[in-house]
Amino acid sequence: MAKSKRVGGGRGAAARRPGSAIPPGWKGGFAQSNPKFAYNPQFPNQPDLSSLPLLDNMANICKLTRQQKVWWPEFSWQTVVGDESSRAFSRFAHDISRIGYTDTGRVYSIICPQQGIFHRHWGTLNIEVTVTGNRGWVDETAPKDRNVAADLTTMGQIWFSPAALQTSMVRLMWMLFANSGLPFPDSKANSIKVKLWNSQNSSLSILKGRSGESTRFKSPDFARHWNSTSEIANNAAWSVANLEVMIGTIIPTGNSIVDGFNQLVMDAFNVASGNLLTPYNTLTWNVWVEEPTLVDPVEWADHAEKWRKSIDEGGQPGGGSTPPRYFDGTPFLAVEPVIEEAIDAIIKWLKNNLGSL
């Protein structure tokens, strides 16, 4: 595995796309409605949003008037937990997430990231960071690194896509579960659900999304987009914010057979993905956003479902995702024999618990 050196880099000023314009209607004021909402370097816990209720993420779509689309969602994690030199960087697809708010800047909804990860043994596994609650503000007129503060509660979910059921291995597993009358993780309803904790305190569930790039590490140039011209000519990020979670444990279903199988699937997934969702690892993402646009409430409500259907069918409507790479650009490659061992463990477990394959 290639080891990367930590390379410094300053934060530049965000450039606007030539000819772009922020749409009219912005009023602002919500960010200034409580002194505790303000950024203050002397008080690291601010902005303090605790006076706001955590709102259901889909309950107030009708109130949304403005949005910022995440065009470059850059994820990062340690592929060997505790070894900073093993840090990988992977971009999820364009427009995978959005933050929606009112003309005054109150946040009411945040579309969660989704990704399909393929492996030849099991086809595509769908991964979603499901936002269950949110609160916060956006200020379009603030300096570029001080334009958003949002708290979220989330849950990780993993399930086999319909296309995965066409692979011989997953089809056999599904049949064994069906014959036993047990739910198989082939839909979001039956997904493997993973706790996501506050990265500083596993007893807390509220995650803090704040302006600026993560200070946990330095990002390589390919994961920074102040002056990006690689995918879209003359396009650059309007702003950037960051969020991080500590990966938790699987939420039990109450059925020991299902729970045992789900844990083995997660173990195999983490071997293949470089410990992306290994308990107590920290997953960080810098979200590089486009300039504000107006919201179509119907399109907003349909967006997540369009993504989910597309991933189920093996596509990504936004495109632009990249496989994991180390800081120096060397690709992360899973150790195939170790994956084979994890697959063998699943097969052995199935024979012992649900009969022969």
Protein backbone atom coordinates (compact mmCIF):
# COMPACT_ATOMS: atom_id res chain seq x y z
CA MET A 1 0.00 0.00 0.00
CA ALA A 2 1.33 3.41 -0.89
CA LYS A 3 1.92 5.74 2.05
CA SER A 4 1.22 9.40 1.55
CA LYS A 5 2.84 12.41 3.10
CA ARG A 6 0.73 15.11 4.65
CA VAL A 7 0.88 18.03 2.29
CA GLY A 8 -0.30 21.47 3.25
CA GLY A 9 -2.50 23.70 1.19
CA GLY A 10 -4.26 27.01 1.73
CA ARG A 11 -7.95 27.67 1.30
CA GLY A 12 -8.63 29.77 -1.74
CA ALA A 13 -11.51 32.05 -2.57
CA ALA A 14 -14.44 30.39 -4.29
CA ALA A 15 -14.92 31.39 -7.92
CA ARG A 16 -18.36 31.79 -9.46
CA ARG A 17 -19.26 30.13 -12.70
CA PRO A 18 -19.14 32.75 -15.48
CA GLY A 19 -22.60 34.12 -16.06
CA SER A 20 -24.12 32.48 -12.97
CA ALA A 21 -26.37 34.46 -10.70
CA ILE A 22 -27.95 33.83 -7.34
CA PRO A 23 -31.71 33.91 -7.90
CA PRO A 24 -33.76 36.75 -6.38
CA GLY A 25 -35.85 36.36 -3.27
CA TRP A 26 -33.15 36.03 -0.62
CA LYS A 27 -34.11 37.83 2.62
CA GLY A 28 -31.84 36.28 5.23
CA GLY A 29 -32.01 37.02 8.94
CA PHE A 30 -32.54 33.61 10.49
CA ALA A 31 -28.81 33.10 11.12
CA GLN A 32 -28.82 36.35 13.09
CA SER A 33 -32.03 35.61 15.05
CA ASN A 34 -30.13 34.11 18.00
CA PRO A 35 -26.63 35.19 19.14
CA LYS A 36 -25.74 31.57 19.86
CA PHE A 37 -26.13 30.74 16.17
CA ALA A 38 -23.05 32.79 15.27
CA TYR A 39 -19.59 31.39 14.60
CA ASN A 40 -17.20 32.34 17.38
CA PRO A 41 -13.62 30.95 17.36
CA GLN A 42 -13.41 31.43 21.14
CA PHE A 43 -16.30 29.02 21.68
CA PRO A 44 -15.77 25.83 19.65
CA ASN A 45 -19.27 24.54 20.40
CA GLN A 46 -20.81 27.42 18.50
CA PRO A 47 -22.86 27.77 16.45
CA ASP A 48 -25.09 26.35 19.17
CA LEU A 49 -28.33 25.21 17.53
CA SER A 50 -29.79 23.44 20.56
CA SER A 51 -32.63 25.96 20.90
CA LEU A 52 -34.06 24.64 17.62
CA PRO A 53 -36.12 21.44 17.51
CA LEU A 54 -34.83 18.58 15.38
CA LEU A 55 -37.38 18.38 12.58
CA ASP A 56 -38.43 15.36 10.56
CA ASN A 57 -36.42 15.56 7.36
CA MET A 58 -39.36 15.13 4.99
CA ALA A 59 -42.11 16.91 6.93
CA ASN A 60 -41.53 20.46 5.69
CA ILE A 61 -40.74 20.12 1.98
CA CYS A 62 -43.54 22.57 1.18
CA LYS A 63 -41.64 25.32 3.03
CA LEU A 64 -38.47 25.04 0.97
CA THR A 65 -37.76 27.87 -1.46
CA ARG A 66 -33.97 27.69 -1.95
CA GLN A 67 -31.31 25.02 -2.10
CA GLN A 68 -27.61 24.35 -2.52
CA LYS A 69 -26.69 21.20 -4.45
CA VAL A 70 -23.67 19.19 -3.41
CA TRP A 71 -21.82 18.79 -6.69
CA TRP A 72 -18.67 17.24 -5.20
CA PRO A 73 -19.32 15.08 -2.11
CA GLU A 74 -15.78 14.08 -1.08
CA PHE A 75 -15.66 11.26 1.47
CA SER A 76 -12.59 10.21 3.44
CA TRP A 77 -11.73 7.52 6.01
CA GLN A 78 -8.83 5.43 7.29
CA THR A 79 -8.68 2.09 5.49
CA VAL A 80 -6.65 0.78 8.44
CA VAL A 81 -8.34 2.13 11.55
CA GLY A 82 -5.88 4.24 13.52
CA ASP A 83 -3.33 4.57 10.69
CA GLU A 84 -3.54 8.06 9.19
CA SER A 85 -1.23 7.12 6.31
CA SER A 86 -3.93 4.70 5.13
CA ARG A 87 -6.49 7.48 4.58
CA ALA A 88 -8.52 7.12 1.38
CA PHE A 89 -10.54 9.66 -0.54
CA SER A 90 -13.59 8.86 -2.66
CA ARG A 91 -16.08 11.13 -4.37
CA PHE A 92 -19.71 10.12 -4.47
CA ALA A 93 -21.76 11.17 -7.49
CA HIS A 94 -22.70 14.74 -8.40
CA ASP A 95 -25.91 16.17 -6.90
CA ILE A 96 -26.17 13.27 -4.47
CA SER A 97 -27.05 15.57 -1.55
CA ARG A 98 -28.70 18.93 -1.09
CA ILE A 99 -29.55 21.34 1.67
CA GLY A 100 -32.94 23.05 1.44
CA TYR A 101 -34.02 26.20 3.25
CA THR A 102 -36.32 29.22 3.23
CA ASP A 103 -35.77 32.77 1.96
CA THR A 104 -34.78 33.75 5.51
CA GLY A 105 -32.25 30.92 5.68
CA ARG A 106 -33.88 28.38 7.99
CA VAL A 107 -32.97 24.81 7.06
CA TYR A 108 -35.85 22.36 6.78
CA SER A 109 -34.49 19.40 4.82
CA ILE A 110 -31.19 17.78 3.85
CA ILE A 111 -31.13 15.11 1.16
CA CYS A 112 -28.92 12.24 2.27
CA PRO A 113 -26.02 10.69 0.35
CA GLN A 114 -26.51 7.37 -1.45
CA GLN A 115 -24.04 5.17 -3.27
CA GLY A 116 -23.96 1.82 -4.98
CA ILE A 117 -20.83 -0.28 -4.40
CA PHE A 118 -20.21 -3.23 -6.70
CA HIS A 119 -18.36 -6.48 -6.07
CA ARG A 120 -18.26 -9.42 -8.44
CA HIS A 121 -19.45 -11.90 -5.78
CA TRP A 122 -22.63 -10.10 -4.77
CA GLY A 123 -23.33 -7.43 -7.36
CA THR A 124 -24.29 -4.01 -6.01
CA LEU A 125 -24.83 -3.11 -2.38
CA ASN A 126 -26.74 0.12 -1.82
CA ILE A 127 -25.46 2.41 0.93
CA GLU A 128 -27.42 5.32 2.32
CA VAL A 129 -26.79 7.79 5.12
CA THR A 130 -30.41 8.43 6.04
CA VAL A 131 -31.11 11.82 7.62
CA THR A 132 -33.80 11.38 10.27
CA GLY A 133 -33.76 14.89 11.77
CA ASN A 134 -32.29 18.30 11.03
CA ARG A 135 -32.02 21.87 12.20
CA GLY A 136 -29.90 24.83 11.16
CA TRP A 137 -29.39 27.91 9.04
CA VAL A 138 -27.87 29.10 5.79
CA ASP A 139 -26.60 32.63 5.16
CA GLU A 140 -26.01 33.34 1.48
CA THR A 141 -24.41 36.72 2.15
CA ALA A 142 -21.84 35.54 4.70
CA PRO A 143 -18.17 34.96 3.78
CA LYS A 144 -17.66 31.76 1.81
CA ASP A 145 -16.46 29.68 4.76
CA ARG A 146 -19.22 30.86 7.08
CA ASN A 147 -22.48 30.24 5.29
CA VAL A 148 -24.04 27.18 6.90
CA ALA A 149 -24.55 25.47 10.24
CA ALA A 150 -26.71 22.37 10.50
CA ASP A 151 -27.22 19.59 13.03
CA LEU A 152 -28.39 16.18 11.84
CA THR A 153 -29.42 12.84 13.22
CA THR A 154 -28.70 9.99 10.84
CA MET A 155 -28.63 6.25 10.35
CA GLY A 156 -26.60 4.12 7.96
CA GLN A 157 -28.48 1.60 5.81
CA ILE A 158 -27.17 -1.13 3.50
CA TRP A 159 -29.12 -3.51 1.29
CA PHE A 160 -28.64 -5.66 -1.81
CA SER A 161 -29.92 -4.07 -5.01
CA PRO A 162 -32.42 -5.99 -7.18
CA ALA A 163 -29.61 -6.59 -9.66
CA ALA A 164 -27.60 -8.31 -6.94
CA LEU A 165 -30.36 -10.91 -6.65
CA GLN A 166 -29.46 -12.02 -10.17
CA THR A 167 -26.02 -13.21 -9.01
CA SER A 168 -25.94 -16.90 -8.13
CA MET A 169 -24.60 -16.39 -4.63
CA VAL A 170 -27.09 -13.71 -3.53
CA ARG A 171 -30.00 -15.53 -5.19
CA LEU A 172 -29.20 -18.68 -3.19
CA MET A 173 -28.94 -16.69 0.03
CA TRP A 174 -32.28 -15.03 -0.70
CA MET A 175 -33.93 -18.42 -1.31
CA LEU A 176 -32.63 -19.82 1.99
CA PHE A 177 -34.05 -16.84 3.87
CA ALA A 178 -37.36 -16.99 1.98
CA ASN A 179 -37.74 -20.72 2.69
CA SER A 180 -37.10 -20.01 6.37
CA GLY A 181 -39.60 -17.15 6.48
CA LEU A 182 -36.90 -14.65 7.44
CA PRO A 183 -36.42 -11.12 6.05
CA PHE A 184 -33.47 -10.73 3.68
CA PRO A 185 -31.74 -7.32 3.22
CA ASP A 186 -32.93 -6.85 -0.37
CA SER A 187 -34.79 -3.59 0.20
CA LYS A 188 -34.52 -0.45 2.26
CA ALA A 189 -37.32 -1.73 4.49
CA ASN A 190 -35.22 -4.79 5.39
CA SER A 191 -31.85 -3.03 5.27
CA ILE A 192 -28.91 -3.62 7.57
CA LYS A 193 -29.19 -0.59 9.83
CA VAL A 194 -26.06 0.92 11.38
CA LYS A 195 -25.82 3.45 14.20
CA LEU A 196 -23.94 6.64 13.37
CA TRP A 197 -22.55 8.56 16.33
CA ASN A 198 -21.11 12.00 16.99
CA SER A 199 -17.42 11.67 16.11
CA GLN A 200 -16.35 13.19 19.44
CA ASN A 201 -18.71 11.25 21.69
CA SER A 202 -20.31 7.91 20.89
CA SER A 203 -23.03 8.56 23.48
CA LEU A 204 -24.37 11.39 21.30
CA SER A 205 -26.30 10.98 18.07
CA ILE A 206 -26.35 14.59 16.81
CA LEU A 207 -23.84 15.32 14.04
CA LYS A 208 -22.59 18.83 13.34
CA GLY A 209 -22.31 20.06 9.76
CA ARG A 210 -20.31 23.28 9.61
CA SER A 211 -18.75 25.55 7.00
CA GLY A 212 -15.22 25.04 5.73
CA GLU A 213 -13.15 21.96 4.99
CA SER A 214 -12.52 19.38 7.68
CA THR A 215 -9.54 20.17 9.90
CA ARG A 216 -9.03 16.49 10.72
CA PHE A 217 -6.72 16.07 7.69
CA LYS A 218 -5.40 17.82 4.60
CA SER A 219 -7.18 16.93 1.38
CA PRO A 220 -5.30 16.26 -1.86
CA ASP A 221 -5.84 18.60 -4.79
CA PHE A 222 -8.11 16.10 -6.56
CA ALA A 223 -10.53 16.32 -3.63
CA ARG A 224 -10.67 20.13 -3.51
CA HIS A 225 -12.82 22.20 -5.84
CA TRP A 226 -12.26 25.89 -5.38
CA ASN A 227 -11.08 26.11 -8.99
CA SER A 228 -12.26 22.86 -10.54
CA THR A 229 -12.18 22.47 -14.31
CA SER A 230 -11.84 18.70 -14.46
CA GLU A 231 -15.45 17.65 -15.08
CA ILE A 232 -17.27 20.83 -16.10
CA ALA A 233 -15.49 23.66 -17.85
CA ASN A 234 -15.21 26.88 -15.87
CA ASN A 235 -17.00 25.38 -12.88
CA ALA A 236 -15.91 25.91 -9.29
CA ALA A 237 -17.45 25.37 -5.88
CA TRP A 238 -19.47 28.22 -4.44
CA SER A 239 -18.78 27.07 -0.89
CA VAL A 240 -17.77 24.05 1.17
CA ALA A 241 -18.92 22.50 4.44
CA ASN A 242 -17.93 19.39 6.33
CA LEU A 243 -19.51 16.68 8.41
CA GLU A 244 -18.17 13.60 10.14
CA VAL A 245 -19.56 10.57 11.93
CA MET A 246 -18.20 7.81 14.08
CA ILE A 247 -19.41 4.50 12.69
CA GLY A 248 -21.45 2.58 15.21
CA THR A 249 -22.68 -0.95 15.56
CA ILE A 250 -25.47 -2.73 13.70
CA ILE A 251 -28.92 -2.13 15.15
CA PRO A 252 -30.27 -5.57 16.19
CA THR A 253 -33.44 -6.83 14.54
CA GLY A 254 -34.35 -9.09 17.45
CA ASN A 255 -33.83 -12.25 15.40
CA SER A 256 -30.49 -13.95 16.10
CA ILE A 257 -30.33 -15.61 12.67
CA VAL A 258 -30.90 -12.35 10.80
CA ASP A 259 -28.51 -10.47 13.09
CA GLY A 260 -25.76 -13.07 12.63
CA PHE A 261 -26.08 -12.96 8.85
CA ASN A 262 -26.17 -9.16 8.75
CA GLN A 263 -22.95 -8.97 10.75
CA LEU A 264 -21.16 -11.31 8.34
CA VAL A 265 -22.35 -9.27 5.36
CA MET A 266 -21.04 -6.13 7.03
CA ASP A 267 -17.71 -7.82 7.76
CA ALA A 268 -17.35 -8.80 4.10
CA PHE A 269 -18.39 -5.34 2.94
CA ASN A 270 -15.79 -3.68 5.16
CA VAL A 271 -13.03 -5.94 3.87
CA ALA A 272 -13.97 -5.01 0.30
CA SER A 273 -14.42 -1.27 0.96
CA GLY A 274 -11.42 -0.67 3.18
CA ASN A 275 -13.28 -0.46 6.50
CA LEU A 276 -15.68 2.20 5.27
CA LEU A 277 -18.31 1.23 7.86
CA THR A 278 -16.16 -0.47 10.51
CA PRO A 279 -17.29 0.35 14.06
CA TYR A 280 -15.42 3.26 15.66
CA ASN A 281 -13.86 4.36 12.40
CA THR A 282 -14.53 8.02 11.52
CA LEU A 283 -16.11 8.83 8.16
CA THR A 284 -15.69 12.44 7.07
CA TRP A 285 -17.03 14.27 4.06
CA ASN A 286 -16.38 17.69 2.62
CA VAL A 287 -19.41 18.81 0.64
CA TRP A 288 -18.54 21.24 -2.13
CA VAL A 289 -21.70 23.00 -3.25
CA GLU A 290 -22.94 24.96 -6.23
CA GLU A 291 -24.38 28.45 -5.90
CA PRO A 292 -27.94 28.68 -4.52
CA THR A 293 -30.90 27.89 -6.76
CA LEU A 294 -34.65 27.84 -6.31
CA VAL A 295 -36.50 24.73 -5.14
CA ASP A 296 -39.18 22.84 -7.03
CA PRO A 297 -40.88 21.01 -4.09
CA VAL A 298 -42.10 18.16 -6.30
CA GLU A 299 -38.65 17.63 -7.81
CA TRP A 300 -37.09 17.79 -4.32
CA ALA A 301 -39.42 15.11 -2.98
CA ASP A 302 -38.80 12.91 -6.04
CA HIS A 303 -35.02 13.34 -6.01
CA ALA A 304 -34.16 10.70 -3.41
CA GLU A 305 -36.47 8.14 -4.99
CA LYS A 306 -34.94 8.78 -8.42
CA TRP A 307 -31.52 8.15 -6.94
CA ARG A 308 -32.59 4.99 -5.17
CA LYS A 309 -34.21 3.54 -8.30
CA SER A 310 -31.18 4.47 -10.39
CA ILE A 311 -28.73 2.82 -7.98
CA ASP A 312 -30.96 -0.27 -7.84
CA GLU A 313 -30.62 -0.49 -11.61
CA GLY A 314 -26.86 -0.05 -11.52
CA GLY A 315 -26.64 3.59 -12.55
CA GLN A 316 -26.05 6.99 -11.00
CA PRO A 317 -27.97 9.93 -12.47
CA GLY A 318 -25.37 12.52 -11.44
CA GLY A 319 -22.24 10.64 -12.50
CA GLY A 320 -18.83 11.86 -11.44
CA SER A 321 -18.06 9.36 -8.66
CA THR A 322 -14.50 8.14 -8.19
CA PRO A 323 -13.08 4.96 -6.60
CA PRO A 324 -11.10 5.27 -3.35
CA ARG A 325 -7.59 6.70 -3.70
CA TYR A 326 -4.81 7.52 -1.27
CA PHE A 327 -3.46 11.07 -0.91
CA ASP A 328 -0.91 10.55 -3.68
CA GLY A 329 -3.56 9.25 -6.08
CA THR A 330 -2.66 5.58 -5.73
CA PRO A 331 -5.90 3.54 -5.94
CA PHE A 332 -7.09 1.56 -2.94
CA LEU A 333 -7.22 -2.14 -3.81
CA ALA A 334 -8.88 -4.62 -1.51
CA VAL A 335 -6.97 -7.82 -0.76
CA GLU A 336 -8.93 -10.39 -2.76
CA PRO A 337 -7.91 -13.47 -0.71
CA VAL A 338 -9.23 -11.78 2.43
CA ILE A 339 -12.52 -11.07 0.67
CA GLU A 340 -12.68 -14.73 -0.33
CA GLU A 341 -12.23 -15.68 3.33
CA ALA A 342 -15.12 -13.41 4.32
CA ILE A 343 -17.33 -14.94 1.62
CA ASP A 344 -16.38 -18.44 2.78
CA ALA A 345 -17.38 -17.46 6.32
CA ILE A 346 -20.83 -16.46 5.08
CA ILE A 347 -21.25 -19.73 3.18
CA LYS A 348 -20.18 -21.79 6.20
CA TRP A 349 -22.54 -19.86 8.44
CA LEU A 350 -25.46 -20.38 6.05
CA LYS A 351 -24.83 -24.14 5.94
CA ASN A 352 -24.76 -24.31 9.72
CA ASN A 353 -27.85 -22.15 10.28
CA LEU A 354 -30.12 -22.40 7.23
CA GLY A 355 -29.25 -25.69 5.60
CA SER A 356 -27.14 -26.65 2.58
CA LEU A 357 -26.54 -24.38 -0.39
